[in-house]
Amino acid sequence: MHEDTQIRIEVLQFLGTIARPGQRISDLNDNENLIEAGIIDSLSLVHIILYLESQHGVDLQLSGIDPTEIGSVAGMLAVIERQVD
């Protein structure tokens, strides 16, 4: 399996653990804002930050990443990719 695909699957699995009850992650468009779509609440951004730091070595403070950049699956994947580069 391609590494990008594997990372996307891992991100979606993680989002499934913090999504609001009844929300289907599988129907999510990668560019869709997770808060605006009602998938997560704003406090879940803290969980996303902790996930990115612990699982992918992303340091938002050091890298100057604005937390609004991680409001979608595509945004999270871009931040992870920049960290790897």
PDB file of N, CA and C in Angstrom:
ATOM      1  N   MET A   1       0.847  -1.173   0.000  1.00  0.00           N
ATOM      2  CA  MET A   1       0.000   0.000   0.000  1.00  0.00           C
ATOM      3  C   MET A   1       0.897   1.241   0.000  1.00  0.00           C
ATOM      4  N   HIS A   2       0.531   2.221  -0.766  1.00  0.00           N
ATOM      5  CA  HIS A   2       1.294   3.463  -0.860  1.00  0.00           C
ATOM      6  C   HIS A   2       1.276   4.174   0.494  1.00  0.00           C
ATOM      7  N   GLU A   3       2.420   4.765   0.874  1.00  0.00           N
ATOM      8  CA  GLU A   3       2.532   5.384   2.205  1.00  0.00           C
ATOM      9  C   GLU A   3       1.501   6.495   2.424  1.00  0.00           C
ATOM     10  N   ASP A   4       1.255   7.332   1.387  1.00  0.00           N
ATOM     11  CA  ASP A   4       0.261   8.405   1.528  1.00  0.00           C
ATOM     12  C   ASP A   4      -1.120   7.840   1.819  1.00  0.00           C
ATOM     13  N   THR A   5      -1.454   6.743   1.147  1.00  0.00           N
ATOM     14  CA  THR A   5      -2.750   6.101   1.367  1.00  0.00           C
ATOM     15  C   THR A   5      -2.836   5.556   2.780  1.00  0.00           C
ATOM     16  N   GLN A   6      -1.753   4.954   3.248  1.00  0.00           N
ATOM     17  CA  GLN A   6      -1.727   4.398   4.603  1.00  0.00           C
ATOM     18  C   GLN A   6      -1.895   5.504   5.646  1.00  0.00           C
ATOM     19  N   ILE A   7      -1.204   6.612   5.448  1.00  0.00           N
ATOM     20  CA  ILE A   7      -1.330   7.736   6.395  1.00  0.00           C
ATOM     21  C   ILE A   7      -2.754   8.267   6.391  1.00  0.00           C
ATOM     22  N   ARG A   8      -3.367   8.386   5.210  1.00  0.00           N
ATOM     23  CA  ARG A   8      -4.755   8.862   5.125  1.00  0.00           C
ATOM     24  C   ARG A   8      -5.682   7.920   5.893  1.00  0.00           C
ATOM     25  N   ILE A   9      -5.479   6.634   5.745  1.00  0.00           N
ATOM     26  CA  ILE A   9      -6.307   5.653   6.458  1.00  0.00           C
ATOM     27  C   ILE A   9      -6.137   5.818   7.966  1.00  0.00           C
ATOM     28  N   GLU A  10      -4.886   5.999   8.409  1.00  0.00           N
ATOM     29  CA  GLU A  10      -4.627   6.193   9.838  1.00  0.00           C
ATOM     30  C   GLU A  10      -5.308   7.458  10.361  1.00  0.00           C
ATOM     31  N   VAL A  11      -5.249   8.539   9.587  1.00  0.00           N
ATOM     32  CA  VAL A  11      -5.886   9.796   9.993  1.00  0.00           C
ATOM     33  C   VAL A  11      -7.400   9.597  10.100  1.00  0.00           C
ATOM     34  N   LEU A  12      -7.988   8.928   9.107  1.00  0.00           N
ATOM     35  CA  LEU A  12      -9.432   8.691   9.146  1.00  0.00           C
ATOM     36  C   LEU A  12      -9.824   7.803  10.325  1.00  0.00           C
ATOM     37  N   GLN A  13      -9.014   6.804  10.615  1.00  0.00           N
ATOM     38  CA  GLN A  13      -9.299   5.946  11.775  1.00  0.00           C
ATOM     39  C   GLN A  13      -9.249   6.759  13.058  1.00  0.00           C
ATOM     40  N   PHE A  14      -8.253   7.627  13.169  1.00  0.00           N
ATOM     41  CA  PHE A  14      -8.162   8.482  14.345  1.00  0.00           C
ATOM     42  C   PHE A  14      -9.388   9.384  14.442  1.00  0.00           C
ATOM     43  N   LEU A  15      -9.767  10.010  13.332  1.00  0.00           N
ATOM     44  CA  LEU A  15     -10.934  10.896  13.360  1.00  0.00           C
ATOM     45  C   LEU A  15     -12.186  10.147  13.793  1.00  0.00           C
ATOM     46  N   GLY A  16     -12.265   8.891  13.441  1.00  0.00           N
ATOM     47  CA  GLY A  16     -13.406   8.079  13.871  1.00  0.00           C
ATOM     48  C   GLY A  16     -13.490   7.954  15.379  1.00  0.00           C
ATOM     49  N   THR A  17     -12.359   8.086  16.058  1.00  0.00           N
ATOM     50  CA  THR A  17     -12.357   7.973  17.522  1.00  0.00           C
ATOM     51  C   THR A  17     -12.786   9.262  18.208  1.00  0.00           C
ATOM     52  N   ILE A  18     -12.701  10.391  17.494  1.00  0.00           N
ATOM     53  CA  ILE A  18     -13.073  11.675  18.118  1.00  0.00           C
ATOM     54  C   ILE A  18     -14.302  12.313  17.476  1.00  0.00           C
ATOM     55  N   ALA A  19     -14.849  11.676  16.465  1.00  0.00           N
ATOM     56  CA  ALA A  19     -16.019  12.231  15.780  1.00  0.00           C
ATOM     57  C   ALA A  19     -17.231  12.226  16.700  1.00  0.00           C
ATOM     58  N   ARG A  20     -18.113  13.168  16.447  1.00  0.00           N
ATOM     59  CA  ARG A  20     -19.382  13.197  17.190  1.00  0.00           C
ATOM     60  C   ARG A  20     -20.169  11.928  16.874  1.00  0.00           C
ATOM     61  N   PRO A  21     -20.937  11.450  17.824  1.00  0.00           N
ATOM     62  CA  PRO A  21     -21.736  10.239  17.588  1.00  0.00           C
ATOM     63  C   PRO A  21     -22.630  10.382  16.356  1.00  0.00           C
ATOM     64  N   GLY A  22     -22.683   9.333  15.575  1.00  0.00           N
ATOM     65  CA  GLY A  22     -23.544   9.317  14.396  1.00  0.00           C
ATOM     66  C   GLY A  22     -22.912   9.888  13.137  1.00  0.00           C
ATOM     67  N   GLN A  23     -21.712  10.430  13.238  1.00  0.00           N
ATOM     68  CA  GLN A  23     -21.041  10.997  12.072  1.00  0.00           C
ATOM     69  C   GLN A  23     -20.260   9.912  11.350  1.00  0.00           C
ATOM     70  N   ARG A  24     -20.379   9.898  10.029  1.00  0.00           N
ATOM     71  CA  ARG A  24     -19.696   8.882   9.219  1.00  0.00           C
ATOM     72  C   ARG A  24     -18.454   9.482   8.577  1.00  0.00           C
ATOM     73  N   ILE A  25     -17.317   9.064   9.029  1.00  0.00           N
ATOM     74  CA  ILE A  25     -16.041   9.538   8.496  1.00  0.00           C
ATOM     75  C   ILE A  25     -15.861   9.085   7.053  1.00  0.00           C
ATOM     76  N   SER A  26     -16.385   7.932   6.712  1.00  0.00           N
ATOM     77  CA  SER A  26     -16.211   7.387   5.364  1.00  0.00           C
ATOM     78  C   SER A  26     -16.868   8.252   4.292  1.00  0.00           C
ATOM     79  N   ASP A  27     -17.854   9.058   4.657  1.00  0.00           N
ATOM     80  CA  ASP A  27     -18.541   9.923   3.695  1.00  0.00           C
ATOM     81  C   ASP A  27     -17.879  11.293   3.565  1.00  0.00           C
ATOM     82  N   LEU A  28     -16.818  11.510   4.298  1.00  0.00           N
ATOM     83  CA  LEU A  28     -16.179  12.810   4.390  1.00  0.00           C
ATOM     84  C   LEU A  28     -15.353  13.138   3.148  1.00  0.00           C
ATOM     85  N   ASN A  29     -15.517  14.371   2.657  1.00  0.00           N
ATOM     86  CA  ASN A  29     -14.658  14.890   1.596  1.00  0.00           C
ATOM     87  C   ASN A  29     -13.383  15.388   2.261  1.00  0.00           C
ATOM     88  N   ASP A  30     -12.217  15.080   1.692  1.00  0.00           N
ATOM     89  CA  ASP A  30     -10.946  15.437   2.327  1.00  0.00           C
ATOM     90  C   ASP A  30     -10.780  16.939   2.556  1.00  0.00           C
ATOM     91  N   ASN A  31     -11.411  17.764   1.738  1.00  0.00           N
ATOM     92  CA  ASN A  31     -11.263  19.216   1.868  1.00  0.00           C
ATOM     93  C   ASN A  31     -12.341  19.850   2.753  1.00  0.00           C
ATOM     94  N   GLU A  32     -13.266  19.064   3.214  1.00  0.00           N
ATOM     95  CA  GLU A  32     -14.373  19.557   4.033  1.00  0.00           C
ATOM     96  C   GLU A  32     -13.886  19.956   5.424  1.00  0.00           C
ATOM     97  N   ASN A  33     -14.301  21.115   5.890  1.00  0.00           N
ATOM     98  CA  ASN A  33     -13.952  21.573   7.231  1.00  0.00           C
ATOM     99  C   ASN A  33     -14.699  20.702   8.239  1.00  0.00           C
ATOM    100  N   LEU A  34     -13.949  20.049   9.094  1.00  0.00           N
ATOM    101  CA  LEU A  34     -14.520  19.075  10.026  1.00  0.00           C
ATOM    102  C   LEU A  34     -15.465  19.699  11.051  1.00  0.00           C
ATOM    103  N   ILE A  35     -15.161  20.910  11.485  1.00  0.00           N
ATOM    104  CA  ILE A  35     -16.026  21.584  12.460  1.00  0.00           C
ATOM    105  C   ILE A  35     -17.300  22.056  11.790  1.00  0.00           C
ATOM    106  N   GLU A  36     -17.155  22.724  10.637  1.00  0.00           N
ATOM    107  CA  GLU A  36     -18.332  23.227   9.921  1.00  0.00           C
ATOM    108  C   GLU A  36     -19.256  22.096   9.482  1.00  0.00           C
ATOM    109  N   ALA A  37     -18.672  20.938   9.176  1.00  0.00           N
ATOM    110  CA  ALA A  37     -19.475  19.786   8.755  1.00  0.00           C
ATOM    111  C   ALA A  37     -20.135  19.076   9.939  1.00  0.00           C
ATOM    112  N   GLY A  38     -19.763  19.481  11.170  1.00  0.00           N
ATOM    113  CA  GLY A  38     -20.343  18.872  12.356  1.00  0.00           C
ATOM    114  C   GLY A  38     -19.727  17.537  12.724  1.00  0.00           C
ATOM    115  N   ILE A  39     -18.600  17.195  12.099  1.00  0.00           N
ATOM    116  CA  ILE A  39     -17.941  15.926  12.381  1.00  0.00           C
ATOM    117  C   ILE A  39     -17.299  15.963  13.769  1.00  0.00           C
ATOM    118  N   ILE A  40     -16.651  17.080  14.081  1.00  0.00           N
ATOM    119  CA  ILE A  40     -16.004  17.265  15.384  1.00  0.00           C
ATOM    120  C   ILE A  40     -16.413  18.615  15.946  1.00  0.00           C
ATOM    121  N   ASP A  41     -16.135  18.825  17.229  1.00  0.00           N
ATOM    122  CA  ASP A  41     -16.338  20.149  17.802  1.00  0.00           C
ATOM    123  C   ASP A  41     -14.975  20.831  17.917  1.00  0.00           C
ATOM    124  N   SER A  42     -14.962  22.088  18.265  1.00  0.00           N
ATOM    125  CA  SER A  42     -13.715  22.850  18.290  1.00  0.00           C
ATOM    126  C   SER A  42     -12.709  22.302  19.301  1.00  0.00           C
ATOM    127  N   LEU A  43     -13.182  21.714  20.378  1.00  0.00           N
ATOM    128  CA  LEU A  43     -12.266  21.134  21.360  1.00  0.00           C
ATOM    129  C   LEU A  43     -11.514  19.922  20.799  1.00  0.00           C
ATOM    130  N   SER A  44     -12.069  19.304  19.798  1.00  0.00           N
ATOM    131  CA  SER A  44     -11.416  18.152  19.186  1.00  0.00           C
ATOM    132  C   SER A  44     -10.137  18.541  18.460  1.00  0.00           C
ATOM    133  N   LEU A  45      -9.977  19.821  18.141  1.00  0.00           N
ATOM    134  CA  LEU A  45      -8.728  20.271  17.521  1.00  0.00           C
ATOM    135  C   LEU A  45      -7.533  19.991  18.435  1.00  0.00           C
ATOM    136  N   VAL A  46      -7.754  20.070  19.736  1.00  0.00           N
ATOM    137  CA  VAL A  46      -6.688  19.752  20.689  1.00  0.00           C
ATOM    138  C   VAL A  46      -6.288  18.287  20.526  1.00  0.00           C
ATOM    139  N   HIS A  47      -7.272  17.403  20.371  1.00  0.00           N
ATOM    140  CA  HIS A  47      -6.982  15.986  20.163  1.00  0.00           C
ATOM    141  C   HIS A  47      -6.214  15.776  18.857  1.00  0.00           C
ATOM    142  N   ILE A  48      -6.584  16.532  17.834  1.00  0.00           N
ATOM    143  CA  ILE A  48      -5.894  16.417  16.548  1.00  0.00           C
ATOM    144  C   ILE A  48      -4.443  16.866  16.692  1.00  0.00           C
ATOM    145  N   ILE A  49      -4.220  17.961  17.374  1.00  0.00           N
ATOM    146  CA  ILE A  49      -2.855  18.454  17.597  1.00  0.00           C
ATOM    147  C   ILE A  49      -2.029  17.403  18.332  1.00  0.00           C
ATOM    148  N   LEU A  50      -2.581  16.844  19.400  1.00  0.00           N
ATOM    149  CA  LEU A  50      -1.870  15.823  20.165  1.00  0.00           C
ATOM    150  C   LEU A  50      -1.585  14.584  19.312  1.00  0.00           C
ATOM    151  N   TYR A  51      -2.546  14.209  18.486  1.00  0.00           N
ATOM    152  CA  TYR A  51      -2.361  13.074  17.577  1.00  0.00           C
ATOM    153  C   TYR A  51      -1.230  13.350  16.593  1.00  0.00           C
ATOM    154  N   LEU A  52      -1.251  14.516  15.959  1.00  0.00           N
ATOM    155  CA  LEU A  52      -0.221  14.851  14.977  1.00  0.00           C
ATOM    156  C   LEU A  52       1.161  14.895  15.618  1.00  0.00           C
ATOM    157  N   GLU A  53       1.223  15.413  16.828  1.00  0.00           N
ATOM    158  CA  GLU A  53       2.509  15.476  17.533  1.00  0.00           C
ATOM    159  C   GLU A  53       3.011  14.085  17.913  1.00  0.00           C
ATOM    160  N   SER A  54       2.141  13.272  18.491  1.00  0.00           N
ATOM    161  CA  SER A  54       2.584  11.974  19.000  1.00  0.00           C
ATOM    162  C   SER A  54       2.774  10.925  17.908  1.00  0.00           C
ATOM    163  N   GLN A  55       1.933  10.944  16.892  1.00  0.00           N
ATOM    164  CA  GLN A  55       1.989   9.892  15.874  1.00  0.00           C
ATOM    165  C   GLN A  55       2.817  10.258  14.647  1.00  0.00           C
ATOM    166  N   HIS A  56       2.959  11.563  14.389  1.00  0.00           N
ATOM    167  CA  HIS A  56       3.625  11.976  13.149  1.00  0.00           C
ATOM    168  C   HIS A  56       4.760  12.973  13.382  1.00  0.00           C
ATOM    169  N   GLY A  57       5.072  13.262  14.638  1.00  0.00           N
ATOM    170  CA  GLY A  57       6.197  14.133  14.949  1.00  0.00           C
ATOM    171  C   GLY A  57       6.016  15.580  14.548  1.00  0.00           C
ATOM    172  N   VAL A  58       4.782  16.005  14.377  1.00  0.00           N
ATOM    173  CA  VAL A  58       4.503  17.391  13.984  1.00  0.00           C
ATOM    174  C   VAL A  58       4.565  18.274  15.217  1.00  0.00           C
ATOM    175  N   ASP A  59       5.306  19.363  15.140  1.00  0.00           N
ATOM    176  CA  ASP A  59       5.355  20.357  16.215  1.00  0.00           C
ATOM    177  C   ASP A  59       4.800  21.660  15.650  1.00  0.00           C
ATOM    178  N   LEU A  60       3.550  21.939  15.966  1.00  0.00           N
ATOM    179  CA  LEU A  60       2.896  23.104  15.390  1.00  0.00           C
ATOM    180  C   LEU A  60       3.586  24.403  15.773  1.00  0.00           C
ATOM    181  N   GLN A  61       4.089  24.489  16.993  1.00  0.00           N
ATOM    182  CA  GLN A  61       4.776  25.706  17.425  1.00  0.00           C
ATOM    183  C   GLN A  61       6.055  25.932  16.642  1.00  0.00           C
ATOM    184  N   LEU A  62       6.881  24.920  16.560  1.00  0.00           N
ATOM    185  CA  LEU A  62       8.168  25.066  15.885  1.00  0.00           C
ATOM    186  C   LEU A  62       8.030  25.262  14.384  1.00  0.00           C
ATOM    187  N   SER A  63       7.050  24.621  13.790  1.00  0.00           N
ATOM    188  CA  SER A  63       6.897  24.703  12.346  1.00  0.00           C
ATOM    189  C   SER A  63       6.048  25.887  11.903  1.00  0.00           C
ATOM    190  N   GLY A  64       5.483  26.618  12.851  1.00  0.00           N
ATOM    191  CA  GLY A  64       4.701  27.799  12.510  1.00  0.00           C
ATOM    192  C   GLY A  64       3.385  27.478  11.831  1.00  0.00           C
ATOM    193  N   ILE A  65       2.839  26.334  12.120  1.00  0.00           N
ATOM    194  CA  ILE A  65       1.574  25.918  11.517  1.00  0.00           C
ATOM    195  C   ILE A  65       0.417  26.507  12.307  1.00  0.00           C
ATOM    196  N   ASP A  66      -0.494  27.107  11.586  1.00  0.00           N
ATOM    197  CA  ASP A  66      -1.705  27.666  12.180  1.00  0.00           C
ATOM    198  C   ASP A  66      -2.682  26.510  12.415  1.00  0.00           C
ATOM    199  N   PRO A  67      -3.243  26.386  13.606  1.00  0.00           N
ATOM    200  CA  PRO A  67      -4.179  25.287  13.874  1.00  0.00           C
ATOM    201  C   PRO A  67      -5.360  25.214  12.902  1.00  0.00           C
ATOM    202  N   THR A  68      -5.710  26.315  12.263  1.00  0.00           N
ATOM    203  CA  THR A  68      -6.808  26.254  11.293  1.00  0.00           C
ATOM    204  C   THR A  68      -6.421  25.420  10.068  1.00  0.00           C
ATOM    205  N   GLU A  69      -5.121  25.207   9.874  1.00  0.00           N
ATOM    206  CA  GLU A  69      -4.665  24.391   8.748  1.00  0.00           C
ATOM    207  C   GLU A  69      -5.013  22.921   8.918  1.00  0.00           C
ATOM    208  N   ILE A  70      -5.323  22.514  10.127  1.00  0.00           N
ATOM    209  CA  ILE A  70      -5.600  21.097  10.377  1.00  0.00           C
ATOM    210  C   ILE A  70      -7.102  20.839  10.535  1.00  0.00           C
ATOM    211  N   GLY A  71      -7.911  21.720   9.992  1.00  0.00           N
ATOM    212  CA  GLY A  71      -9.358  21.599  10.112  1.00  0.00           C
ATOM    213  C   GLY A  71     -10.004  20.677   9.102  1.00  0.00           C
ATOM    214  N   SER A  72      -9.189  20.066   8.240  1.00  0.00           N
ATOM    215  CA  SER A  72      -9.710  19.113   7.257  1.00  0.00           C
ATOM    216  C   SER A  72      -8.723  17.965   7.128  1.00  0.00           C
ATOM    217  N   VAL A  73      -9.175  16.890   6.537  1.00  0.00           N
ATOM    218  CA  VAL A  73      -8.286  15.751   6.312  1.00  0.00           C
ATOM    219  C   VAL A  73      -7.146  16.173   5.393  1.00  0.00           C
ATOM    220  N   ALA A  74      -7.469  16.896   4.333  1.00  0.00           N
ATOM    221  CA  ALA A  74      -6.436  17.353   3.399  1.00  0.00           C
ATOM    222  C   ALA A  74      -5.415  18.237   4.107  1.00  0.00           C
ATOM    223  N   GLY A  75      -5.867  19.101   4.999  1.00  0.00           N
ATOM    224  CA  GLY A  75      -4.964  19.962   5.753  1.00  0.00           C
ATOM    225  C   GLY A  75      -4.043  19.170   6.657  1.00  0.00           C
ATOM    226  N   MET A  76      -4.595  18.169   7.333  1.00  0.00           N
ATOM    227  CA  MET A  76      -3.777  17.320   8.198  1.00  0.00           C
ATOM    228  C   MET A  76      -2.725  16.570   7.388  1.00  0.00           C
ATOM    229  N   LEU A  77      -3.133  16.032   6.247  1.00  0.00           N
ATOM    230  CA  LEU A  77      -2.194  15.289   5.411  1.00  0.00           C
ATOM    231  C   LEU A  77      -1.094  16.198   4.878  1.00  0.00           C
ATOM    232  N   ALA A  78      -1.437  17.439   4.545  1.00  0.00           N
ATOM    233  CA  ALA A  78      -0.430  18.397   4.064  1.00  0.00           C
ATOM    234  C   ALA A  78       0.575  18.726   5.157  1.00  0.00           C
ATOM    235  N   VAL A  79       0.095  18.905   6.393  1.00  0.00           N
ATOM    236  CA  VAL A  79       0.981  19.203   7.518  1.00  0.00           C
ATOM    237  C   VAL A  79       1.915  18.014   7.771  1.00  0.00           C
ATOM    238  N   ILE A  80       1.382  16.810   7.709  1.00  0.00           N
ATOM    239  CA  ILE A  80       2.205  15.614   7.918  1.00  0.00           C
ATOM    240  C   ILE A  80       3.260  15.517   6.810  1.00  0.00           C
ATOM    241  N   GLU A  81       2.853  15.757   5.584  1.00  0.00           N
ATOM    242  CA  GLU A  81       3.778  15.673   4.448  1.00  0.00           C
ATOM    243  C   GLU A  81       4.900  16.697   4.574  1.00  0.00           C
ATOM    244  N   ARG A  82       4.558  17.923   4.995  1.00  0.00           N
ATOM    245  CA  ARG A  82       5.589  18.960   5.182  1.00  0.00           C
ATOM    246  C   ARG A  82       6.559  18.552   6.273  1.00  0.00           C
ATOM    247  N   GLN A  83       6.070  17.878   7.293  1.00  0.00           N
ATOM    248  CA  GLN A  83       6.929  17.446   8.387  1.00  0.00           C
ATOM    249  C   GLN A  83       7.933  16.412   7.900  1.00  0.00           C
ATOM    250  N   VAL A  84       7.498  15.545   7.004  1.00  0.00           N
ATOM    251  CA  VAL A  84       8.340  14.468   6.478  1.00  0.00           C
ATOM    252  C   VAL A  84       9.426  15.034   5.559  1.00  0.00           C
ATOM    253  N   ASP A  85       9.073  16.061   4.789  1.00  0.00           N
ATOM    254  CA  ASP A  85      10.028  16.642   3.820  1.00  0.00           C
ATOM    255  C   ASP A  85      11.192  17.310   4.438  1.00  0.00           C
TER     256      ASP A  85
END
